[in-house]
Amino acid sequence: MRFQFTDTPERYGSVSRFLHWSMALLLIWQLATAVARILVKDSALDEFLWGTHRPVGALLMTLVLIRIAWALTNRRQRPAAVSLMARLGHVGLYALLFFVPAFALLRQYGSGRAFSPFGIPLMPGFEGERIEWMLIPANLFHSWFGWLLFALIAGHIVMVFVHRHRAGDTDVLPRMLGRR
């Protein structure tokens, strides 16, 4: 298989595949941190995993911005969606991939606490009152949208296998694996 930098109508290029699979691994990690937070709160496992949740979320936000920019750059040469539902599903995934960490960053800033993921100063923090108008929507939507994102991801995975094995459907998995 030769190196294919950009997307083509037949398959996604190396950059798109790298962004897709690296984000998939980071999202699995985020799911593990959230599940541990619910099932084994205040355990050593929870303390370890939860300590990584915000920095990994910031990394995901960076990758999603890069991924959206890359998708827009390649929009005319990417593989076509197999249906309107597939297109809407991908739009929903991209929207949630943006809004889940955006609400977390809004909450972080509104709390007044400093935030330096991986030692990189992102928000300096501030003295005084918390900014409630930032905290209220962020507290309401971050978690719910996060679980909705994981549900859509599960549906995305199921549909890959449906398309792969249903007669007459387009096998979409090779597009993201890069195989001919």
N, C-alpha and C. Protein backbone atom coordinates (compact mmCIF):
# COMPACT_ATOMS: atom_id res chain seq x y z
N MET A 1 0.86 -1.18 0.00
CA MET A 1 0.00 0.00 0.00
C MET A 1 0.90 1.24 0.00
N ARG A 2 0.64 2.14 -0.89
CA ARG A 2 1.47 3.34 -0.96
C ARG A 2 0.88 4.43 -0.07
N PHE A 3 1.73 5.37 0.30
CA PHE A 3 1.32 6.48 1.16
C PHE A 3 0.39 7.41 0.39
N GLN A 4 -0.73 7.72 0.98
CA GLN A 4 -1.72 8.61 0.34
C GLN A 4 -2.03 9.72 1.35
N PHE A 5 -1.47 10.88 1.14
CA PHE A 5 -1.58 11.99 2.08
C PHE A 5 -3.01 12.52 2.19
N THR A 6 -3.60 12.88 1.07
CA THR A 6 -4.94 13.47 1.07
C THR A 6 -6.00 12.41 0.79
N ASP A 7 -7.24 12.79 0.99
CA ASP A 7 -8.37 11.91 0.74
C ASP A 7 -8.61 11.80 -0.76
N THR A 8 -9.25 10.70 -1.15
CA THR A 8 -9.71 10.51 -2.52
C THR A 8 -11.15 10.04 -2.45
N PRO A 9 -11.86 10.02 -3.56
CA PRO A 9 -13.24 9.52 -3.53
C PRO A 9 -13.35 8.05 -3.11
N GLU A 10 -12.26 7.30 -3.20
CA GLU A 10 -12.29 5.87 -2.84
C GLU A 10 -11.94 5.60 -1.39
N ARG A 11 -11.05 6.42 -0.81
CA ARG A 11 -10.63 6.15 0.58
C ARG A 11 -10.06 7.41 1.21
N TYR A 12 -9.99 7.37 2.53
CA TYR A 12 -9.43 8.49 3.28
C TYR A 12 -7.91 8.41 3.24
N GLY A 13 -7.27 9.57 3.21
CA GLY A 13 -5.82 9.63 3.18
C GLY A 13 -5.22 9.40 4.56
N SER A 14 -3.90 9.39 4.61
CA SER A 14 -3.17 9.09 5.84
C SER A 14 -3.47 10.08 6.95
N VAL A 15 -3.61 11.35 6.63
CA VAL A 15 -3.89 12.35 7.67
C VAL A 15 -5.28 12.10 8.26
N SER A 16 -6.27 11.90 7.43
CA SER A 16 -7.63 11.63 7.93
C SER A 16 -7.67 10.37 8.78
N ARG A 17 -6.98 9.32 8.31
CA ARG A 17 -6.97 8.07 9.07
C ARG A 17 -6.24 8.24 10.41
N PHE A 18 -5.12 8.96 10.41
CA PHE A 18 -4.41 9.20 11.66
C PHE A 18 -5.29 9.95 12.65
N LEU A 19 -5.96 11.00 12.19
CA LEU A 19 -6.83 11.77 13.07
C LEU A 19 -7.99 10.92 13.58
N HIS A 20 -8.59 10.13 12.70
CA HIS A 20 -9.72 9.28 13.08
C HIS A 20 -9.32 8.28 14.16
N TRP A 21 -8.26 7.50 13.91
CA TRP A 21 -7.90 6.42 14.83
C TRP A 21 -7.25 6.95 16.11
N SER A 22 -6.50 8.03 16.04
CA SER A 22 -5.93 8.58 17.28
C SER A 22 -7.05 9.14 18.16
N MET A 23 -8.02 9.81 17.54
CA MET A 23 -9.16 10.31 18.30
C MET A 23 -9.99 9.17 18.86
N ALA A 24 -10.11 8.08 18.10
CA ALA A 24 -10.86 6.91 18.60
C ALA A 24 -10.21 6.38 19.87
N LEU A 25 -8.89 6.26 19.89
CA LEU A 25 -8.19 5.78 21.08
C LEU A 25 -8.37 6.73 22.26
N LEU A 26 -8.26 8.03 22.00
CA LEU A 26 -8.44 9.00 23.08
C LEU A 26 -9.88 9.01 23.60
N LEU A 27 -10.85 8.80 22.72
CA LEU A 27 -12.24 8.74 23.15
C LEU A 27 -12.52 7.50 23.99
N ILE A 28 -11.87 6.38 23.65
CA ILE A 28 -11.98 5.18 24.49
C ILE A 28 -11.43 5.49 25.88
N TRP A 29 -10.31 6.19 25.92
CA TRP A 29 -9.72 6.58 27.22
C TRP A 29 -10.70 7.47 28.00
N GLN A 30 -11.30 8.44 27.32
CA GLN A 30 -12.26 9.34 27.99
C GLN A 30 -13.46 8.55 28.53
N LEU A 31 -13.93 7.59 27.75
CA LEU A 31 -15.03 6.75 28.21
C LEU A 31 -14.61 5.97 29.46
N ALA A 32 -13.40 5.43 29.45
CA ALA A 32 -12.90 4.70 30.62
C ALA A 32 -12.84 5.60 31.85
N THR A 33 -12.41 6.86 31.66
CA THR A 33 -12.33 7.77 32.81
C THR A 33 -13.72 8.08 33.36
N ALA A 34 -14.71 8.25 32.47
CA ALA A 34 -16.07 8.57 32.90
C ALA A 34 -16.72 7.37 33.59
N VAL A 35 -16.52 6.19 33.03
CA VAL A 35 -17.09 4.98 33.64
C VAL A 35 -16.46 4.71 35.00
N ALA A 36 -15.15 4.86 35.10
CA ALA A 36 -14.48 4.67 36.39
C ALA A 36 -14.99 5.68 37.41
N ARG A 37 -15.25 6.90 36.96
CA ARG A 37 -15.75 7.95 37.86
C ARG A 37 -17.11 7.56 38.43
N ILE A 38 -17.91 6.86 37.65
CA ILE A 38 -19.24 6.45 38.10
C ILE A 38 -19.17 5.17 38.93
N LEU A 39 -18.43 4.18 38.46
CA LEU A 39 -18.47 2.85 39.08
C LEU A 39 -17.53 2.69 40.28
N VAL A 40 -16.37 3.34 40.24
CA VAL A 40 -15.39 3.15 41.32
C VAL A 40 -14.87 4.48 41.83
N LYS A 41 -15.79 5.42 42.04
CA LYS A 41 -15.40 6.77 42.48
C LYS A 41 -14.57 6.70 43.77
N ASP A 42 -13.58 7.56 43.83
CA ASP A 42 -12.67 7.69 44.97
C ASP A 42 -11.74 6.49 45.15
N SER A 43 -11.62 5.64 44.13
CA SER A 43 -10.66 4.54 44.18
C SER A 43 -9.35 5.02 43.56
N ALA A 44 -8.32 4.22 43.70
CA ALA A 44 -7.03 4.56 43.08
C ALA A 44 -7.16 4.62 41.57
N LEU A 45 -7.95 3.70 41.00
CA LEU A 45 -8.16 3.71 39.56
C LEU A 45 -8.86 4.99 39.12
N ASP A 46 -9.90 5.37 39.84
CA ASP A 46 -10.61 6.61 39.52
C ASP A 46 -9.69 7.82 39.63
N GLU A 47 -8.93 7.90 40.68
CA GLU A 47 -8.03 9.04 40.88
C GLU A 47 -7.03 9.14 39.73
N PHE A 48 -6.47 7.99 39.31
CA PHE A 48 -5.52 8.01 38.20
C PHE A 48 -6.20 8.43 36.90
N LEU A 49 -7.30 7.76 36.57
CA LEU A 49 -7.96 8.04 35.29
C LEU A 49 -8.54 9.44 35.25
N TRP A 50 -9.23 9.84 36.32
CA TRP A 50 -9.90 11.14 36.31
C TRP A 50 -8.89 12.28 36.22
N GLY A 51 -7.71 12.07 36.73
CA GLY A 51 -6.66 13.09 36.63
C GLY A 51 -6.23 13.36 35.20
N THR A 52 -6.55 12.44 34.30
CA THR A 52 -6.17 12.62 32.89
C THR A 52 -7.33 13.14 32.04
N HIS A 53 -8.53 13.17 32.59
CA HIS A 53 -9.73 13.47 31.80
C HIS A 53 -9.66 14.87 31.15
N ARG A 54 -9.32 15.88 31.93
CA ARG A 54 -9.29 17.23 31.37
C ARG A 54 -8.15 17.45 30.37
N PRO A 55 -6.92 17.02 30.66
CA PRO A 55 -5.87 17.21 29.66
C PRO A 55 -6.15 16.44 28.36
N VAL A 56 -6.64 15.22 28.48
CA VAL A 56 -6.96 14.46 27.26
C VAL A 56 -8.11 15.13 26.51
N GLY A 57 -9.07 15.68 27.25
CA GLY A 57 -10.16 16.42 26.61
C GLY A 57 -9.65 17.63 25.83
N ALA A 58 -8.67 18.33 26.39
CA ALA A 58 -8.07 19.47 25.68
C ALA A 58 -7.34 19.00 24.42
N LEU A 59 -6.66 17.88 24.53
CA LEU A 59 -5.99 17.32 23.35
C LEU A 59 -7.02 16.94 22.29
N LEU A 60 -8.13 16.34 22.71
CA LEU A 60 -9.20 16.00 21.77
C LEU A 60 -9.77 17.24 21.10
N MET A 61 -9.94 18.31 21.86
CA MET A 61 -10.46 19.55 21.28
C MET A 61 -9.51 20.07 20.20
N THR A 62 -8.22 20.00 20.46
CA THR A 62 -7.23 20.42 19.47
C THR A 62 -7.31 19.55 18.22
N LEU A 63 -7.39 18.24 18.42
CA LEU A 63 -7.47 17.33 17.29
C LEU A 63 -8.76 17.50 16.51
N VAL A 64 -9.87 17.78 17.19
CA VAL A 64 -11.13 17.95 16.46
C VAL A 64 -11.08 19.22 15.61
N LEU A 65 -10.47 20.28 16.11
CA LEU A 65 -10.33 21.49 15.31
C LEU A 65 -9.47 21.24 14.07
N ILE A 66 -8.38 20.49 14.26
CA ILE A 66 -7.54 20.12 13.12
C ILE A 66 -8.33 19.24 12.16
N ARG A 67 -9.08 18.29 12.72
CA ARG A 67 -9.84 17.36 11.88
C ARG A 67 -10.93 18.07 11.08
N ILE A 68 -11.61 19.01 11.70
CA ILE A 68 -12.64 19.77 10.98
C ILE A 68 -11.99 20.59 9.85
N ALA A 69 -10.89 21.25 10.15
CA ALA A 69 -10.19 22.03 9.13
C ALA A 69 -9.72 21.12 7.98
N TRP A 70 -9.20 19.95 8.33
CA TRP A 70 -8.73 19.00 7.32
C TRP A 70 -9.90 18.49 6.48
N ALA A 71 -11.02 18.18 7.13
CA ALA A 71 -12.20 17.69 6.40
C ALA A 71 -12.71 18.75 5.44
N LEU A 72 -12.72 20.00 5.88
CA LEU A 72 -13.17 21.08 4.99
C LEU A 72 -12.22 21.27 3.82
N THR A 73 -10.93 21.13 4.07
CA THR A 73 -9.93 21.24 3.01
C THR A 73 -10.10 20.13 1.97
N ASN A 74 -10.48 18.93 2.44
CA ASN A 74 -10.60 17.76 1.56
C ASN A 74 -12.04 17.48 1.13
N ARG A 75 -12.98 18.36 1.42
CA ARG A 75 -14.41 18.05 1.25
C ARG A 75 -14.79 17.65 -0.17
N ARG A 76 -14.12 18.16 -1.16
CA ARG A 76 -14.49 17.84 -2.54
C ARG A 76 -13.91 16.51 -3.03
N GLN A 77 -12.96 15.96 -2.29
CA GLN A 77 -12.33 14.72 -2.75
C GLN A 77 -12.51 13.56 -1.78
N ARG A 78 -13.29 13.74 -0.72
CA ARG A 78 -13.51 12.67 0.26
C ARG A 78 -14.47 11.63 -0.28
N PRO A 79 -14.46 10.42 0.26
CA PRO A 79 -15.47 9.44 -0.12
C PRO A 79 -16.87 9.97 0.18
N ALA A 80 -17.79 9.69 -0.71
CA ALA A 80 -19.17 10.16 -0.55
C ALA A 80 -19.85 9.39 0.57
N ALA A 81 -20.76 10.06 1.27
CA ALA A 81 -21.58 9.40 2.28
C ALA A 81 -22.46 8.36 1.59
N VAL A 82 -22.72 7.25 2.26
CA VAL A 82 -23.53 6.19 1.65
C VAL A 82 -25.02 6.49 1.71
N SER A 83 -25.42 7.46 2.54
CA SER A 83 -26.83 7.82 2.64
C SER A 83 -26.95 9.17 3.36
N LEU A 84 -28.15 9.71 3.32
CA LEU A 84 -28.42 10.95 4.06
C LEU A 84 -28.24 10.72 5.56
N MET A 85 -28.68 9.56 6.05
CA MET A 85 -28.54 9.26 7.48
C MET A 85 -27.06 9.19 7.88
N ALA A 86 -26.23 8.62 7.02
CA ALA A 86 -24.79 8.56 7.30
C ALA A 86 -24.21 9.97 7.37
N ARG A 87 -24.63 10.81 6.43
CA ARG A 87 -24.14 12.20 6.42
C ARG A 87 -24.58 12.93 7.70
N LEU A 88 -25.85 12.78 8.08
CA LEU A 88 -26.35 13.42 9.29
C LEU A 88 -25.67 12.86 10.54
N GLY A 89 -25.41 11.55 10.54
CA GLY A 89 -24.70 10.94 11.67
C GLY A 89 -23.30 11.52 11.83
N HIS A 90 -22.60 11.71 10.72
CA HIS A 90 -21.26 12.28 10.79
C HIS A 90 -21.29 13.75 11.22
N VAL A 91 -22.27 14.49 10.74
CA VAL A 91 -22.41 15.89 11.18
C VAL A 91 -22.66 15.92 12.69
N GLY A 92 -23.52 15.03 13.18
CA GLY A 92 -23.78 14.95 14.62
C GLY A 92 -22.53 14.60 15.41
N LEU A 93 -21.75 13.65 14.90
CA LEU A 93 -20.50 13.28 15.57
C LEU A 93 -19.54 14.46 15.64
N TYR A 94 -19.35 15.13 14.51
CA TYR A 94 -18.45 16.29 14.50
C TYR A 94 -18.94 17.38 15.45
N ALA A 95 -20.24 17.64 15.44
CA ALA A 95 -20.80 18.67 16.33
C ALA A 95 -20.54 18.32 17.79
N LEU A 96 -20.81 17.08 18.16
CA LEU A 96 -20.59 16.68 19.56
C LEU A 96 -19.10 16.64 19.90
N LEU A 97 -18.28 16.21 18.95
CA LEU A 97 -16.83 16.22 19.20
C LEU A 97 -16.32 17.63 19.46
N PHE A 98 -17.00 18.63 18.91
CA PHE A 98 -16.64 20.02 19.19
C PHE A 98 -17.29 20.50 20.49
N PHE A 99 -18.59 20.29 20.65
CA PHE A 99 -19.31 20.90 21.77
C PHE A 99 -19.02 20.28 23.12
N VAL A 100 -18.75 18.98 23.19
CA VAL A 100 -18.46 18.37 24.49
C VAL A 100 -17.23 19.01 25.14
N PRO A 101 -16.08 19.08 24.46
CA PRO A 101 -14.95 19.76 25.11
C PRO A 101 -15.15 21.28 25.20
N ALA A 102 -15.90 21.87 24.28
CA ALA A 102 -16.14 23.31 24.36
C ALA A 102 -16.89 23.66 25.65
N PHE A 103 -17.89 22.85 25.99
CA PHE A 103 -18.61 23.10 27.25
C PHE A 103 -17.70 22.87 28.46
N ALA A 104 -16.81 21.90 28.37
CA ALA A 104 -15.87 21.67 29.47
C ALA A 104 -14.94 22.87 29.64
N LEU A 105 -14.46 23.43 28.52
CA LEU A 105 -13.60 24.61 28.60
C LEU A 105 -14.36 25.82 29.13
N LEU A 106 -15.62 25.94 28.74
CA LEU A 106 -16.46 27.02 29.26
C LEU A 106 -16.61 26.90 30.77
N ARG A 107 -16.86 25.69 31.24
CA ARG A 107 -16.99 25.44 32.68
C ARG A 107 -15.67 25.73 33.40
N GLN A 108 -14.58 25.29 32.80
CA GLN A 108 -13.27 25.51 33.41
C GLN A 108 -13.00 27.00 33.58
N TYR A 109 -13.25 27.77 32.52
CA TYR A 109 -13.01 29.20 32.61
C TYR A 109 -13.95 29.85 33.62
N GLY A 110 -15.22 29.49 33.56
CA GLY A 110 -16.21 30.08 34.47
C GLY A 110 -15.93 29.79 35.93
N SER A 111 -15.24 28.69 36.20
CA SER A 111 -14.93 28.33 37.59
C SER A 111 -13.85 29.23 38.18
N GLY A 112 -13.07 29.88 37.31
CA GLY A 112 -11.99 30.74 37.78
C GLY A 112 -10.70 29.99 38.07
N ARG A 113 -10.71 28.68 37.89
CA ARG A 113 -9.50 27.89 38.16
C ARG A 113 -8.58 27.89 36.95
N ALA A 114 -7.30 27.89 37.20
CA ALA A 114 -6.30 27.82 36.13
C ALA A 114 -6.38 26.44 35.46
N PHE A 115 -5.97 26.41 34.21
CA PHE A 115 -5.97 25.14 33.47
C PHE A 115 -4.74 25.11 32.60
N SER A 116 -3.86 24.14 32.86
CA SER A 116 -2.62 23.97 32.10
C SER A 116 -2.48 22.52 31.69
N PRO A 117 -3.19 22.10 30.64
CA PRO A 117 -3.06 20.70 30.22
C PRO A 117 -1.65 20.41 29.71
N PHE A 118 -1.08 19.31 30.21
CA PHE A 118 0.27 18.90 29.83
C PHE A 118 1.29 20.01 30.07
N GLY A 119 1.02 20.86 31.09
CA GLY A 119 1.94 21.93 31.44
C GLY A 119 1.87 23.16 30.55
N ILE A 120 0.94 23.18 29.62
CA ILE A 120 0.79 24.32 28.71
C ILE A 120 -0.27 25.25 29.28
N PRO A 121 0.08 26.46 29.70
CA PRO A 121 -0.91 27.36 30.28
C PRO A 121 -1.98 27.74 29.25
N LEU A 122 -3.21 27.31 29.52
CA LEU A 122 -4.31 27.60 28.62
C LEU A 122 -5.23 28.67 29.20
N MET A 123 -5.49 28.55 30.51
CA MET A 123 -6.33 29.53 31.22
C MET A 123 -5.63 29.88 32.52
N PRO A 124 -5.40 31.18 32.77
CA PRO A 124 -4.65 31.56 33.96
C PRO A 124 -5.45 31.46 35.26
N GLY A 125 -6.76 31.44 35.17
CA GLY A 125 -7.57 31.50 36.39
C GLY A 125 -7.73 32.93 36.83
N PHE A 126 -8.66 33.15 37.77
CA PHE A 126 -8.89 34.51 38.25
C PHE A 126 -9.43 34.47 39.67
N GLU A 127 -9.31 35.60 40.33
CA GLU A 127 -9.83 35.77 41.69
C GLU A 127 -11.27 36.26 41.61
N GLY A 128 -12.02 36.00 42.63
CA GLY A 128 -13.37 36.55 42.69
C GLY A 128 -14.44 35.52 42.40
N GLU A 129 -15.60 36.05 42.09
CA GLU A 129 -16.79 35.23 41.87
C GLU A 129 -16.67 34.35 40.62
N ARG A 130 -17.26 33.17 40.72
CA ARG A 130 -17.37 32.32 39.55
C ARG A 130 -18.37 32.95 38.58
N ILE A 131 -18.25 32.62 37.31
CA ILE A 131 -19.12 33.19 36.29
C ILE A 131 -20.25 32.18 36.04
N GLU A 132 -21.36 32.40 36.73
CA GLU A 132 -22.46 31.43 36.72
C GLU A 132 -23.07 31.22 35.34
N TRP A 133 -23.14 32.26 34.51
CA TRP A 133 -23.76 32.08 33.20
C TRP A 133 -22.92 31.15 32.32
N MET A 134 -21.66 30.96 32.65
CA MET A 134 -20.83 29.99 31.94
C MET A 134 -20.98 28.60 32.56
N LEU A 135 -21.08 28.55 33.85
CA LEU A 135 -21.14 27.27 34.55
C LEU A 135 -22.44 26.53 34.32
N ILE A 136 -23.56 27.24 34.29
CA ILE A 136 -24.87 26.59 34.20
C ILE A 136 -25.00 25.76 32.92
N PRO A 137 -24.83 26.34 31.72
CA PRO A 137 -24.96 25.48 30.52
C PRO A 137 -23.87 24.42 30.44
N ALA A 138 -22.67 24.76 30.87
CA ALA A 138 -21.57 23.80 30.80
C ALA A 138 -21.85 22.60 31.71
N ASN A 139 -22.31 22.86 32.93
CA ASN A 139 -22.64 21.77 33.85
C ASN A 139 -23.80 20.93 33.31
N LEU A 140 -24.75 21.58 32.68
CA LEU A 140 -25.91 20.88 32.15
C LEU A 140 -25.55 20.02 30.94
N PHE A 141 -24.78 20.58 30.00
CA PHE A 141 -24.61 19.91 28.72
C PHE A 141 -23.36 19.05 28.57
N HIS A 142 -22.28 19.33 29.28
CA HIS A 142 -21.05 18.57 29.06
C HIS A 142 -21.27 17.07 29.25
N SER A 143 -21.82 16.69 30.35
CA SER A 143 -22.02 15.28 30.65
C SER A 143 -23.05 14.63 29.73
N TRP A 144 -24.20 15.27 29.57
CA TRP A 144 -25.25 14.70 28.72
C TRP A 144 -24.79 14.57 27.27
N PHE A 145 -24.15 15.60 26.75
CA PHE A 145 -23.65 15.52 25.38
C PHE A 145 -22.52 14.49 25.26
N GLY A 146 -21.74 14.35 26.32
CA GLY A 146 -20.68 13.33 26.32
C GLY A 146 -21.25 11.93 26.17
N TRP A 147 -22.30 11.63 26.95
CA TRP A 147 -22.93 10.31 26.85
C TRP A 147 -23.62 10.15 25.49
N LEU A 148 -24.22 11.21 24.99
CA LEU A 148 -24.82 11.15 23.65
C LEU A 148 -23.74 10.89 22.60
N LEU A 149 -22.60 11.51 22.75
CA LEU A 149 -21.48 11.27 21.83
C LEU A 149 -21.09 9.80 21.84
N PHE A 150 -20.97 9.21 23.02
CA PHE A 150 -20.60 7.80 23.08
C PHE A 150 -21.68 6.91 22.48
N ALA A 151 -22.95 7.28 22.64
CA ALA A 151 -24.03 6.52 22.00
C ALA A 151 -23.94 6.62 20.48
N LEU A 152 -23.66 7.82 19.96
CA LEU A 152 -23.51 7.97 18.51
C LEU A 152 -22.29 7.21 18.00
N ILE A 153 -21.23 7.20 18.77
CA ILE A 153 -20.04 6.44 18.37
C ILE A 153 -20.38 4.95 18.31
N ALA A 154 -21.13 4.45 19.29
CA ALA A 154 -21.54 3.05 19.27
C ALA A 154 -22.38 2.77 18.02
N GLY A 155 -23.30 3.68 17.70
CA GLY A 155 -24.11 3.53 16.49
C GLY A 155 -23.25 3.57 15.24
N HIS A 156 -22.25 4.44 15.23
CA HIS A 156 -21.32 4.56 14.11
C HIS A 156 -20.61 3.22 13.87
N ILE A 157 -20.13 2.62 14.95
CA ILE A 157 -19.42 1.33 14.85
C ILE A 157 -20.38 0.24 14.35
N VAL A 158 -21.58 0.20 14.90
CA VAL A 158 -22.57 -0.80 14.47
C VAL A 158 -22.85 -0.65 12.98
N MET A 159 -23.03 0.60 12.53
CA MET A 159 -23.37 0.81 11.12
C MET A 159 -22.21 0.45 10.18
N VAL A 160 -20.98 0.59 10.65
CA VAL A 160 -19.84 0.14 9.83
C VAL A 160 -19.99 -1.35 9.54
N PHE A 161 -20.35 -2.12 10.55
CA PHE A 161 -20.48 -3.57 10.35
C PHE A 161 -21.76 -3.93 9.61
N VAL A 162 -22.82 -3.15 9.77
CA VAL A 162 -24.03 -3.37 8.99
C VAL A 162 -23.71 -3.18 7.51
N HIS A 163 -23.06 -2.07 7.18
CA HIS A 163 -22.70 -1.81 5.78
C HIS A 163 -21.72 -2.85 5.25
N ARG A 164 -20.87 -3.35 6.12
CA ARG A 164 -19.87 -4.33 5.70
C ARG A 164 -20.51 -5.67 5.32
N HIS A 165 -21.57 -6.05 6.03
CA HIS A 165 -22.11 -7.40 5.87
C HIS A 165 -23.48 -7.48 5.21
N ARG A 166 -24.14 -6.35 5.00
CA ARG A 166 -25.46 -6.39 4.36
C ARG A 166 -25.29 -6.40 2.84
N ALA A 167 -25.97 -7.32 2.21
CA ALA A 167 -25.87 -7.46 0.76
C ALA A 167 -26.30 -6.16 0.07
N GLY A 168 -25.52 -5.76 -0.92
CA GLY A 168 -25.84 -4.57 -1.69
C GLY A 168 -25.33 -3.27 -1.10
N ASP A 169 -24.84 -3.29 0.15
CA ASP A 169 -24.31 -2.07 0.78
C ASP A 169 -22.85 -1.85 0.40
N THR A 170 -22.42 -0.62 0.56
CA THR A 170 -21.01 -0.27 0.35
C THR A 170 -20.24 -0.61 1.61
N ASP A 171 -19.19 -1.41 1.47
CA ASP A 171 -18.32 -1.74 2.61
C ASP A 171 -17.44 -0.51 2.89
N VAL A 172 -17.76 0.22 3.95
CA VAL A 172 -17.08 1.48 4.23
C VAL A 172 -15.81 1.32 5.05
N LEU A 173 -15.61 0.18 5.68
CA LEU A 173 -14.43 0.00 6.53
C LEU A 173 -13.11 0.14 5.78
N PRO A 174 -12.96 -0.42 4.59
CA PRO A 174 -11.68 -0.24 3.87
C PRO A 174 -11.33 1.23 3.60
N ARG A 175 -12.33 2.09 3.52
CA ARG A 175 -12.06 3.53 3.32
C ARG A 175 -11.22 4.10 4.45
N MET A 176 -11.51 3.66 5.68
CA MET A 176 -10.82 4.22 6.84
C MET A 176 -9.61 3.37 7.23
N LEU A 177 -9.53 2.14 6.72
CA LEU A 177 -8.35 1.32 6.98
C LEU A 177 -7.26 1.62 5.95
N GLY A 178 -7.66 2.16 4.80
CA GLY A 178 -6.69 2.49 3.76
C GLY A 178 -6.38 1.34 2.84
N ARG A 179 -7.09 0.23 3.01
CA ARG A 179 -6.84 -0.94 2.16
C ARG A 179 -7.50 -0.77 0.80
N ARG A 180 -6.92 -1.37 -0.18
CA ARG A 180 -7.49 -1.36 -1.54
C ARG A 180 -8.53 -2.45 -1.66
